[in-house]
Amino acid sequence: MGVIIVEQNISADGFAADSEGGIGFFWDVDFGDESDADTEQLRRIEAMDAILFGRRTYEMFRDYWPSRTVDQEPVSGPMNRIPKHVLSSTLEHAPWGDGEVQILRGSAEAAAADLRERYGSIIVWGSLDLTDALFRVGQVDILRLRVLPVVLGRGRSFAPDDIPHVPMQLVLTDIGSTGIVTLEYLVGGRAARE
């Protein structure tokens, strides 16, 4: 059975979006020489079997990644190659470069169950409404937080306000040269049991 990994970029005070829902704070970070971060991100994405998006994150990624080359950004290779899925009740088509992204209908729980049957590792980036739903129904196995060295003061958390108490086990801490700290948790010990 597959594993669902939620990865979020957050501010040092725990916000995945600013108070207006934007992610512009991400561009306030001085990434310096990104070669180490790029290598690590490339390693992580190459280990994924599928990508799951919410509609808004899909549209943001669709407008950027298909036009990027491996020479411009090495992660564009696996990003464009790995099977992608978008959970949406409104999209009729989901283009990605010369191909299509599979549209999933229904609940986040049903989408997670479907993808778990087909793939080993499924990554979800951003997609806050989707990840809220996945947290609520206990369908997050691994939470990976990339903590950016910026404070927002207020904004939108990476987790829903009404999330039930969920124990986690820290399994990875990585401090990058640019000040980004990556924390990876097993959520409720779930991935370790399966």
N, C-alpha and C. Protein backbone atom coordinates (compact mmCIF):
# COMPACT_ATOMS: atom_id res chain seq x y z
N MET A 1 0.85 -1.18 0.00
CA MET A 1 0.00 0.00 0.00
C MET A 1 0.88 1.23 0.00
N GLY A 2 0.51 2.23 -0.80
CA GLY A 2 1.30 3.44 -0.97
C GLY A 2 1.32 4.35 0.24
N VAL A 3 2.28 5.27 0.22
CA VAL A 3 2.50 6.23 1.29
C VAL A 3 2.22 7.63 0.76
N ILE A 4 1.44 8.40 1.51
CA ILE A 4 1.14 9.80 1.14
C ILE A 4 2.08 10.71 1.92
N ILE A 5 2.83 11.52 1.17
CA ILE A 5 3.77 12.47 1.75
C ILE A 5 3.28 13.88 1.45
N VAL A 6 3.08 14.67 2.49
CA VAL A 6 2.72 16.08 2.33
C VAL A 6 3.97 16.90 2.59
N GLU A 7 4.35 17.73 1.62
CA GLU A 7 5.50 18.61 1.78
C GLU A 7 5.02 20.05 1.67
N GLN A 8 5.38 20.85 2.67
CA GLN A 8 4.97 22.25 2.70
C GLN A 8 6.16 23.14 2.97
N ASN A 9 6.23 24.27 2.26
CA ASN A 9 7.14 25.35 2.59
C ASN A 9 6.41 26.24 3.58
N ILE A 10 7.03 26.49 4.73
CA ILE A 10 6.37 27.32 5.74
C ILE A 10 7.34 28.37 6.27
N SER A 11 6.76 29.43 6.84
CA SER A 11 7.56 30.45 7.50
C SER A 11 8.06 29.90 8.84
N ALA A 12 9.01 30.60 9.44
CA ALA A 12 9.55 30.15 10.73
C ALA A 12 8.47 30.13 11.81
N ASP A 13 7.39 30.91 11.63
CA ASP A 13 6.30 30.89 12.60
C ASP A 13 5.13 30.02 12.15
N GLY A 14 5.38 29.12 11.19
CA GLY A 14 4.44 28.05 10.88
C GLY A 14 3.36 28.31 9.86
N PHE A 15 3.51 29.36 9.03
CA PHE A 15 2.47 29.66 8.06
C PHE A 15 2.87 29.22 6.65
N ALA A 16 1.94 28.57 5.96
CA ALA A 16 2.16 28.11 4.59
C ALA A 16 1.67 29.13 3.57
N ALA A 17 0.94 30.12 4.02
CA ALA A 17 0.47 31.21 3.16
C ALA A 17 0.32 32.44 4.02
N ASP A 18 0.43 33.63 3.40
CA ASP A 18 0.27 34.86 4.16
C ASP A 18 -1.21 35.09 4.47
N SER A 19 -1.52 36.18 5.13
CA SER A 19 -2.90 36.42 5.58
C SER A 19 -3.87 36.61 4.41
N GLU A 20 -3.36 36.85 3.21
CA GLU A 20 -4.23 36.98 2.03
C GLU A 20 -4.20 35.72 1.17
N GLY A 21 -3.55 34.67 1.66
CA GLY A 21 -3.50 33.40 0.94
C GLY A 21 -2.35 33.29 -0.05
N GLY A 22 -1.47 34.29 -0.09
CA GLY A 22 -0.36 34.27 -1.04
C GLY A 22 0.87 33.58 -0.51
N ILE A 23 1.77 33.27 -1.43
CA ILE A 23 3.04 32.63 -1.05
C ILE A 23 4.23 33.48 -1.48
N GLY A 24 4.02 34.76 -1.63
CA GLY A 24 5.10 35.66 -2.04
C GLY A 24 6.26 35.68 -1.06
N PHE A 25 6.00 35.36 0.20
CA PHE A 25 7.09 35.34 1.19
C PHE A 25 8.19 34.36 0.80
N PHE A 26 7.85 33.36 0.00
CA PHE A 26 8.84 32.39 -0.46
C PHE A 26 9.96 33.09 -1.21
N TRP A 27 9.61 34.13 -1.97
CA TRP A 27 10.60 34.82 -2.79
C TRP A 27 11.41 35.83 -1.99
N ASP A 28 11.04 36.06 -0.71
CA ASP A 28 11.82 36.93 0.16
C ASP A 28 13.07 36.23 0.69
N VAL A 29 13.15 34.94 0.51
CA VAL A 29 14.25 34.15 1.05
C VAL A 29 15.44 34.21 0.08
N ASP A 30 16.62 34.48 0.63
CA ASP A 30 17.84 34.46 -0.16
C ASP A 30 18.32 33.01 -0.23
N PHE A 31 18.16 32.39 -1.39
CA PHE A 31 18.52 31.00 -1.54
C PHE A 31 20.00 30.81 -1.83
N GLY A 32 20.71 31.89 -2.08
CA GLY A 32 22.15 31.78 -2.29
C GLY A 32 22.47 30.76 -3.36
N ASP A 33 23.50 29.94 -3.12
CA ASP A 33 23.86 28.86 -4.03
C ASP A 33 22.93 27.69 -3.75
N GLU A 34 22.03 27.44 -4.68
CA GLU A 34 21.00 26.44 -4.47
C GLU A 34 21.43 25.02 -4.85
N SER A 35 22.69 24.82 -5.20
CA SER A 35 23.08 23.51 -5.73
C SER A 35 22.82 22.38 -4.74
N ASP A 36 23.12 22.58 -3.45
CA ASP A 36 22.86 21.53 -2.46
C ASP A 36 21.37 21.27 -2.32
N ALA A 37 20.59 22.36 -2.24
CA ALA A 37 19.14 22.22 -2.11
C ALA A 37 18.55 21.56 -3.34
N ASP A 38 19.04 21.93 -4.53
CA ASP A 38 18.55 21.34 -5.77
C ASP A 38 18.85 19.84 -5.81
N THR A 39 20.06 19.47 -5.38
CA THR A 39 20.44 18.06 -5.38
C THR A 39 19.55 17.25 -4.45
N GLU A 40 19.28 17.80 -3.27
CA GLU A 40 18.43 17.10 -2.30
C GLU A 40 16.99 17.00 -2.81
N GLN A 41 16.46 18.10 -3.37
CA GLN A 41 15.10 18.08 -3.90
C GLN A 41 14.99 17.11 -5.07
N LEU A 42 16.01 17.07 -5.91
CA LEU A 42 16.03 16.14 -7.03
C LEU A 42 16.00 14.70 -6.52
N ARG A 43 16.80 14.41 -5.52
CA ARG A 43 16.82 13.06 -4.93
C ARG A 43 15.44 12.69 -4.40
N ARG A 44 14.80 13.63 -3.71
CA ARG A 44 13.48 13.34 -3.13
C ARG A 44 12.42 13.11 -4.20
N ILE A 45 12.40 13.96 -5.21
CA ILE A 45 11.34 13.81 -6.22
C ILE A 45 11.57 12.57 -7.07
N GLU A 46 12.83 12.20 -7.31
CA GLU A 46 13.09 10.99 -8.09
C GLU A 46 12.62 9.74 -7.35
N ALA A 47 12.45 9.82 -6.03
CA ALA A 47 11.97 8.69 -5.24
C ALA A 47 10.44 8.58 -5.25
N MET A 48 9.76 9.55 -5.85
CA MET A 48 8.30 9.57 -5.88
C MET A 48 7.77 8.79 -7.08
N ASP A 49 6.62 8.16 -6.88
CA ASP A 49 5.96 7.42 -7.95
C ASP A 49 4.81 8.20 -8.58
N ALA A 50 4.25 9.18 -7.84
CA ALA A 50 3.12 9.95 -8.34
C ALA A 50 3.04 11.27 -7.58
N ILE A 51 2.38 12.23 -8.21
CA ILE A 51 2.14 13.55 -7.62
C ILE A 51 0.63 13.76 -7.57
N LEU A 52 0.16 14.29 -6.44
CA LEU A 52 -1.26 14.65 -6.29
C LEU A 52 -1.33 16.13 -5.98
N PHE A 53 -2.15 16.85 -6.75
CA PHE A 53 -2.35 18.28 -6.56
C PHE A 53 -3.80 18.58 -6.23
N GLY A 54 -4.02 19.69 -5.53
CA GLY A 54 -5.31 20.36 -5.53
C GLY A 54 -5.36 21.22 -6.78
N ARG A 55 -6.54 21.72 -7.14
CA ARG A 55 -6.68 22.46 -8.40
C ARG A 55 -5.78 23.69 -8.49
N ARG A 56 -5.76 24.54 -7.46
CA ARG A 56 -4.98 25.79 -7.55
C ARG A 56 -3.48 25.52 -7.66
N THR A 57 -2.97 24.56 -6.91
CA THR A 57 -1.55 24.24 -7.00
C THR A 57 -1.23 23.61 -8.35
N TYR A 58 -2.12 22.75 -8.84
CA TYR A 58 -1.93 22.19 -10.18
C TYR A 58 -1.79 23.31 -11.20
N GLU A 59 -2.69 24.30 -11.16
CA GLU A 59 -2.66 25.39 -12.14
C GLU A 59 -1.36 26.19 -12.03
N MET A 60 -0.89 26.42 -10.81
CA MET A 60 0.36 27.14 -10.62
C MET A 60 1.54 26.34 -11.19
N PHE A 61 1.59 25.04 -10.89
CA PHE A 61 2.67 24.20 -11.40
C PHE A 61 2.57 24.05 -12.92
N ARG A 62 1.35 23.88 -13.44
CA ARG A 62 1.13 23.70 -14.89
C ARG A 62 1.65 24.89 -15.67
N ASP A 63 1.51 26.08 -15.09
CA ASP A 63 1.94 27.29 -15.78
C ASP A 63 3.44 27.49 -15.74
N TYR A 64 4.14 26.69 -14.95
CA TYR A 64 5.58 26.88 -14.80
C TYR A 64 6.41 25.69 -15.30
N TRP A 65 6.15 24.50 -14.76
CA TRP A 65 7.07 23.38 -14.94
C TRP A 65 7.15 22.81 -16.36
N PRO A 66 6.08 22.68 -17.12
CA PRO A 66 6.24 22.06 -18.44
C PRO A 66 7.20 22.80 -19.37
N SER A 67 7.39 24.09 -19.15
CA SER A 67 8.28 24.87 -20.02
C SER A 67 9.73 24.89 -19.53
N ARG A 68 9.99 24.32 -18.37
CA ARG A 68 11.35 24.32 -17.81
C ARG A 68 12.12 23.12 -18.34
N THR A 69 13.41 23.32 -18.62
CA THR A 69 14.26 22.24 -19.09
C THR A 69 15.14 21.76 -17.94
N VAL A 70 15.72 20.60 -18.13
CA VAL A 70 16.62 20.04 -17.12
C VAL A 70 17.84 20.94 -16.94
N ASP A 71 18.29 21.59 -18.02
CA ASP A 71 19.42 22.52 -17.90
C ASP A 71 19.07 23.72 -17.03
N GLN A 72 17.82 24.19 -17.12
CA GLN A 72 17.38 25.32 -16.30
C GLN A 72 17.17 24.91 -14.85
N GLU A 73 16.47 23.80 -14.65
CA GLU A 73 16.17 23.30 -13.31
C GLU A 73 16.13 21.78 -13.37
N PRO A 74 17.13 21.13 -12.76
CA PRO A 74 17.21 19.66 -12.85
C PRO A 74 15.94 18.93 -12.42
N VAL A 75 15.19 19.48 -11.45
CA VAL A 75 13.99 18.77 -10.99
C VAL A 75 12.88 18.76 -12.04
N SER A 76 13.04 19.57 -13.10
CA SER A 76 11.99 19.57 -14.13
C SER A 76 11.90 18.21 -14.84
N GLY A 77 13.01 17.46 -14.89
CA GLY A 77 12.97 16.13 -15.52
C GLY A 77 11.96 15.22 -14.86
N PRO A 78 12.18 14.87 -13.57
CA PRO A 78 11.19 14.02 -12.92
C PRO A 78 9.83 14.71 -12.73
N MET A 79 9.83 16.02 -12.52
CA MET A 79 8.56 16.74 -12.34
C MET A 79 7.66 16.55 -13.55
N ASN A 80 8.23 16.58 -14.72
CA ASN A 80 7.44 16.45 -15.94
C ASN A 80 7.17 14.99 -16.31
N ARG A 81 7.98 14.07 -15.80
CA ARG A 81 7.86 12.65 -16.15
C ARG A 81 6.93 11.86 -15.22
N ILE A 82 6.94 12.16 -13.94
CA ILE A 82 6.18 11.39 -12.95
C ILE A 82 4.68 11.56 -13.20
N PRO A 83 3.89 10.49 -13.09
CA PRO A 83 2.44 10.61 -13.25
C PRO A 83 1.86 11.61 -12.26
N LYS A 84 0.99 12.48 -12.78
CA LYS A 84 0.38 13.54 -11.97
C LYS A 84 -1.13 13.40 -11.96
N HIS A 85 -1.72 13.78 -10.82
CA HIS A 85 -3.17 13.68 -10.62
C HIS A 85 -3.62 14.97 -9.94
N VAL A 86 -4.82 15.42 -10.29
CA VAL A 86 -5.38 16.60 -9.64
C VAL A 86 -6.78 16.25 -9.15
N LEU A 87 -7.04 16.57 -7.89
CA LEU A 87 -8.38 16.35 -7.33
C LEU A 87 -9.17 17.63 -7.56
N SER A 88 -10.22 17.53 -8.37
CA SER A 88 -11.01 18.72 -8.72
C SER A 88 -12.42 18.33 -9.10
N SER A 89 -13.36 19.16 -8.68
CA SER A 89 -14.75 18.97 -9.11
C SER A 89 -15.10 19.91 -10.25
N THR A 90 -14.18 20.80 -10.63
CA THR A 90 -14.49 21.81 -11.64
C THR A 90 -13.71 21.67 -12.94
N LEU A 91 -12.51 21.12 -12.91
CA LEU A 91 -11.72 21.00 -14.13
C LEU A 91 -12.33 19.99 -15.08
N GLU A 92 -12.36 20.34 -16.37
CA GLU A 92 -12.79 19.39 -17.39
C GLU A 92 -11.60 18.78 -18.11
N HIS A 93 -10.51 19.54 -18.21
CA HIS A 93 -9.27 19.07 -18.81
C HIS A 93 -8.13 19.55 -17.93
N ALA A 94 -7.05 18.79 -17.92
CA ALA A 94 -5.89 19.15 -17.10
C ALA A 94 -4.62 18.96 -17.92
N PRO A 95 -4.35 19.91 -18.84
CA PRO A 95 -3.15 19.76 -19.67
C PRO A 95 -1.87 19.96 -18.87
N TRP A 96 -0.82 19.32 -19.36
CA TRP A 96 0.54 19.48 -18.80
C TRP A 96 1.49 19.32 -19.97
N GLY A 97 1.98 20.42 -20.49
CA GLY A 97 2.83 20.35 -21.68
C GLY A 97 2.07 19.70 -22.81
N ASP A 98 2.64 18.64 -23.36
CA ASP A 98 1.99 17.91 -24.46
C ASP A 98 1.06 16.82 -23.97
N GLY A 99 0.96 16.64 -22.65
CA GLY A 99 0.16 15.55 -22.10
C GLY A 99 -1.00 16.05 -21.26
N GLU A 100 -1.52 15.16 -20.46
CA GLU A 100 -2.65 15.45 -19.58
C GLU A 100 -2.36 14.91 -18.19
N VAL A 101 -2.89 15.60 -17.21
CA VAL A 101 -2.86 15.15 -15.83
C VAL A 101 -4.20 14.46 -15.58
N GLN A 102 -4.19 13.36 -14.87
CA GLN A 102 -5.45 12.66 -14.59
C GLN A 102 -6.25 13.43 -13.56
N ILE A 103 -7.50 13.70 -13.87
CA ILE A 103 -8.41 14.38 -12.95
C ILE A 103 -9.10 13.33 -12.09
N LEU A 104 -9.04 13.51 -10.79
CA LEU A 104 -9.74 12.64 -9.85
C LEU A 104 -10.95 13.39 -9.31
N ARG A 105 -12.05 12.71 -9.18
CA ARG A 105 -13.28 13.30 -8.64
C ARG A 105 -13.55 12.69 -7.27
N GLY A 106 -14.43 13.33 -6.52
CA GLY A 106 -14.84 12.77 -5.25
C GLY A 106 -14.05 13.34 -4.09
N SER A 107 -13.95 12.56 -3.03
CA SER A 107 -13.34 13.04 -1.79
C SER A 107 -11.83 12.84 -1.79
N ALA A 108 -11.16 13.57 -0.92
CA ALA A 108 -9.73 13.40 -0.73
C ALA A 108 -9.43 11.98 -0.25
N GLU A 109 -10.29 11.46 0.61
CA GLU A 109 -10.09 10.10 1.13
C GLU A 109 -10.15 9.06 0.01
N ALA A 110 -11.13 9.22 -0.89
CA ALA A 110 -11.25 8.28 -2.01
C ALA A 110 -10.06 8.40 -2.96
N ALA A 111 -9.62 9.63 -3.20
CA ALA A 111 -8.46 9.85 -4.07
C ALA A 111 -7.22 9.21 -3.47
N ALA A 112 -7.02 9.40 -2.16
CA ALA A 112 -5.86 8.81 -1.49
C ALA A 112 -5.91 7.29 -1.57
N ALA A 113 -7.07 6.71 -1.34
CA ALA A 113 -7.20 5.25 -1.40
C ALA A 113 -6.88 4.74 -2.80
N ASP A 114 -7.38 5.43 -3.81
CA ASP A 114 -7.13 5.03 -5.20
C ASP A 114 -5.63 5.07 -5.51
N LEU A 115 -4.98 6.17 -5.16
CA LEU A 115 -3.56 6.32 -5.47
C LEU A 115 -2.69 5.36 -4.66
N ARG A 116 -3.08 5.09 -3.42
CA ARG A 116 -2.33 4.14 -2.59
C ARG A 116 -2.31 2.74 -3.23
N GLU A 117 -3.39 2.39 -3.92
CA GLU A 117 -3.46 1.08 -4.58
C GLU A 117 -2.56 1.01 -5.80
N ARG A 118 -2.28 2.16 -6.41
CA ARG A 118 -1.54 2.18 -7.68
C ARG A 118 -0.06 2.53 -7.56
N TYR A 119 0.31 3.24 -6.49
CA TYR A 119 1.67 3.77 -6.39
C TYR A 119 2.26 3.50 -5.01
N GLY A 120 3.59 3.51 -4.96
CA GLY A 120 4.28 3.34 -3.69
C GLY A 120 4.38 4.63 -2.90
N SER A 121 4.86 5.71 -3.54
CA SER A 121 5.06 6.99 -2.85
C SER A 121 4.34 8.10 -3.63
N ILE A 122 3.45 8.79 -2.95
CA ILE A 122 2.66 9.86 -3.56
C ILE A 122 2.98 11.15 -2.81
N ILE A 123 3.41 12.19 -3.54
CA ILE A 123 3.75 13.47 -2.93
C ILE A 123 2.65 14.48 -3.19
N VAL A 124 2.37 15.30 -2.18
CA VAL A 124 1.43 16.40 -2.30
C VAL A 124 2.17 17.66 -1.87
N TRP A 125 2.28 18.64 -2.78
CA TRP A 125 2.90 19.93 -2.45
C TRP A 125 1.81 20.98 -2.33
N GLY A 126 1.99 21.90 -1.38
CA GLY A 126 1.01 22.99 -1.26
C GLY A 126 -0.38 22.41 -1.09
N SER A 127 -1.29 22.82 -1.99
CA SER A 127 -2.64 22.23 -2.04
C SER A 127 -3.28 22.21 -0.65
N LEU A 128 -3.34 23.37 0.00
CA LEU A 128 -3.73 23.44 1.40
C LEU A 128 -5.12 22.88 1.69
N ASP A 129 -6.10 23.16 0.83
CA ASP A 129 -7.44 22.61 1.06
C ASP A 129 -7.41 21.09 0.98
N LEU A 130 -6.68 20.56 0.02
CA LEU A 130 -6.55 19.12 -0.14
C LEU A 130 -5.83 18.51 1.06
N THR A 131 -4.72 19.12 1.48
CA THR A 131 -3.99 18.54 2.61
C THR A 131 -4.79 18.66 3.91
N ASP A 132 -5.58 19.73 4.04
CA ASP A 132 -6.48 19.80 5.20
C ASP A 132 -7.38 18.57 5.23
N ALA A 133 -7.99 18.27 4.07
CA ALA A 133 -8.91 17.13 3.99
C ALA A 133 -8.18 15.82 4.28
N LEU A 134 -6.97 15.68 3.77
CA LEU A 134 -6.19 14.46 4.02
C LEU A 134 -5.85 14.30 5.49
N PHE A 135 -5.48 15.41 6.15
CA PHE A 135 -5.21 15.36 7.59
C PHE A 135 -6.46 14.95 8.37
N ARG A 136 -7.60 15.53 7.99
CA ARG A 136 -8.85 15.27 8.73
C ARG A 136 -9.25 13.80 8.70
N VAL A 137 -8.95 13.13 7.59
CA VAL A 137 -9.36 11.72 7.47
C VAL A 137 -8.20 10.76 7.70
N GLY A 138 -7.11 11.26 8.25
CA GLY A 138 -5.99 10.40 8.62
C GLY A 138 -5.26 9.78 7.45
N GLN A 139 -5.13 10.52 6.35
CA GLN A 139 -4.50 9.98 5.15
C GLN A 139 -3.14 10.60 4.86
N VAL A 140 -2.47 11.14 5.87
CA VAL A 140 -1.11 11.65 5.70
C VAL A 140 -0.17 10.73 6.46
N ASP A 141 0.79 10.16 5.76
CA ASP A 141 1.75 9.24 6.38
C ASP A 141 3.02 9.95 6.81
N ILE A 142 3.48 10.87 5.96
CA ILE A 142 4.72 11.61 6.23
C ILE A 142 4.44 13.08 6.00
N LEU A 143 4.87 13.91 6.96
CA LEU A 143 4.79 15.36 6.83
C LEU A 143 6.21 15.89 6.73
N ARG A 144 6.51 16.57 5.63
CA ARG A 144 7.82 17.18 5.44
C ARG A 144 7.63 18.69 5.40
N LEU A 145 8.22 19.37 6.35
CA LEU A 145 8.14 20.83 6.43
C LEU A 145 9.49 21.42 6.05
N ARG A 146 9.47 22.35 5.12
CA ARG A 146 10.67 23.11 4.77
C ARG A 146 10.48 24.49 5.37
N VAL A 147 11.16 24.74 6.48
CA VAL A 147 10.99 25.97 7.25
C VAL A 147 11.92 27.03 6.68
N LEU A 148 11.30 28.10 6.14
CA LEU A 148 12.07 29.18 5.51
C LEU A 148 12.42 30.23 6.56
N PRO A 149 13.58 30.85 6.44
CA PRO A 149 14.01 31.84 7.43
C PRO A 149 13.33 33.19 7.24
N VAL A 150 12.02 33.22 7.49
CA VAL A 150 11.23 34.43 7.40
C VAL A 150 10.06 34.30 8.38
N VAL A 151 9.66 35.41 8.99
CA VAL A 151 8.52 35.42 9.92
C VAL A 151 7.42 36.26 9.30
N LEU A 152 6.20 35.74 9.31
CA LEU A 152 5.05 36.45 8.74
C LEU A 152 4.19 37.15 9.78
N GLY A 153 4.12 36.62 10.98
CA GLY A 153 3.28 37.22 12.01
C GLY A 153 1.85 36.71 12.00
N ARG A 154 1.32 36.45 10.83
CA ARG A 154 -0.02 35.88 10.70
C ARG A 154 -0.15 35.28 9.31
N GLY A 155 -1.12 34.41 9.16
CA GLY A 155 -1.31 33.77 7.88
C GLY A 155 -2.10 32.49 8.01
N ARG A 156 -1.90 31.60 7.07
CA ARG A 156 -2.64 30.35 6.98
C ARG A 156 -1.71 29.21 7.36
N SER A 157 -2.09 28.43 8.37
CA SER A 157 -1.29 27.30 8.82
C SER A 157 -1.22 26.22 7.74
N PHE A 158 -0.23 25.37 7.84
CA PHE A 158 -0.12 24.23 6.92
C PHE A 158 -1.09 23.11 7.27
N ALA A 159 -1.75 23.21 8.44
CA ALA A 159 -2.68 22.18 8.88
C ALA A 159 -4.02 22.83 9.23
N PRO A 160 -5.11 22.09 9.14
CA PRO A 160 -6.41 22.67 9.45
C PRO A 160 -6.55 23.00 10.93
N ASP A 161 -7.36 24.02 11.23
CA ASP A 161 -7.60 24.42 12.62
C ASP A 161 -8.26 23.31 13.42
N ASP A 162 -9.06 22.49 12.76
CA ASP A 162 -9.83 21.47 13.46
C ASP A 162 -9.19 20.08 13.39
N ILE A 163 -7.88 20.03 13.11
CA ILE A 163 -7.22 18.72 13.03
C ILE A 163 -7.27 18.05 14.40
N PRO A 164 -7.58 16.77 14.41
CA PRO A 164 -7.55 16.06 15.69
C PRO A 164 -6.10 15.92 16.17
N HIS A 165 -5.95 15.62 17.43
CA HIS A 165 -4.61 15.40 17.99
C HIS A 165 -3.92 14.29 17.21
N VAL A 166 -2.77 14.59 16.65
CA VAL A 166 -2.05 13.61 15.85
C VAL A 166 -0.61 13.53 16.35
N PRO A 167 -0.22 12.41 16.96
CA PRO A 167 1.18 12.26 17.37
C PRO A 167 2.07 12.06 16.14
N MET A 168 3.28 12.59 16.22
CA MET A 168 4.23 12.43 15.12
C MET A 168 5.59 12.07 15.67
N GLN A 169 6.38 11.44 14.83
CA GLN A 169 7.74 11.07 15.21
C GLN A 169 8.70 11.74 14.24
N LEU A 170 9.60 12.58 14.75
CA LEU A 170 10.60 13.25 13.93
C LEU A 170 11.62 12.21 13.45
N VAL A 171 11.80 12.12 12.12
CA VAL A 171 12.73 11.13 11.57
C VAL A 171 13.86 11.77 10.76
N LEU A 172 13.77 13.08 10.48
CA LEU A 172 14.81 13.74 9.71
C LEU A 172 14.86 15.21 10.06
N THR A 173 16.06 15.71 10.25
CA THR A 173 16.30 17.14 10.39
C THR A 173 17.48 17.48 9.50
N ASP A 174 17.30 18.47 8.63
CA ASP A 174 18.38 18.88 7.75
C ASP A 174 18.43 20.40 7.74
N ILE A 175 19.61 20.94 8.01
CA ILE A 175 19.79 22.40 8.00
C ILE A 175 20.61 22.74 6.77
N GLY A 176 19.98 23.45 5.84
CA GLY A 176 20.66 23.81 4.60
C GLY A 176 21.55 25.03 4.77
N SER A 177 22.46 25.21 3.85
CA SER A 177 23.41 26.32 3.92
C SER A 177 22.72 27.67 3.76
N THR A 178 21.50 27.68 3.21
CA THR A 178 20.78 28.94 3.01
C THR A 178 19.84 29.26 4.17
N GLY A 179 19.85 28.42 5.21
CA GLY A 179 18.99 28.68 6.37
C GLY A 179 17.66 27.96 6.34
N ILE A 180 17.40 27.20 5.30
CA ILE A 180 16.16 26.42 5.24
C ILE A 180 16.36 25.15 6.06
N VAL A 181 15.42 24.90 6.96
CA VAL A 181 15.47 23.70 7.81
C VAL A 181 14.37 22.76 7.33
N THR A 182 14.76 21.53 7.03
CA THR A 182 13.78 20.52 6.63
C THR A 182 13.54 19.58 7.80
N LEU A 183 12.28 19.43 8.13
CA LEU A 183 11.85 18.52 9.20
C LEU A 183 10.92 17.49 8.59
N GLU A 184 11.17 16.22 8.88
CA GLU A 184 10.31 15.18 8.34
C GLU A 184 9.78 14.33 9.49
N TYR A 185 8.48 14.12 9.48
CA TYR A 185 7.80 13.40 10.56
C TYR A 185 7.03 12.22 10.01
N LEU A 186 7.03 11.12 10.75
CA LEU A 186 6.05 10.07 10.54
C LEU A 186 4.80 10.50 11.27
N VAL A 187 3.69 10.50 10.60
CA VAL A 187 2.44 10.98 11.19
C VAL A 187 1.74 9.81 11.85
N GLY A 188 1.62 9.89 13.17
CA GLY A 188 0.95 8.83 13.92
C GLY A 188 1.61 7.48 13.82
N GLY A 189 2.87 7.45 13.40
CA GLY A 189 3.57 6.18 13.24
C GLY A 189 3.05 5.35 12.10
N ARG A 190 2.16 5.91 11.28
CA ARG A 190 1.46 5.18 10.24
C ARG A 190 2.38 4.50 9.23
N ALA A 191 3.31 5.28 8.65
CA ALA A 191 4.18 4.71 7.62
C ALA A 191 5.07 3.61 8.19
N ALA A 192 5.44 3.74 9.45
CA ALA A 192 6.30 2.73 10.06
C ALA A 192 5.56 1.40 10.25
N ARG A 193 4.23 1.45 10.38
CA ARG A 193 3.45 0.24 10.60
C ARG A 193 3.12 -0.50 9.32
N GLU A 194 3.13 0.21 8.19
CA GLU A 194 2.67 -0.40 6.93
C GLU A 194 3.82 -0.95 6.10
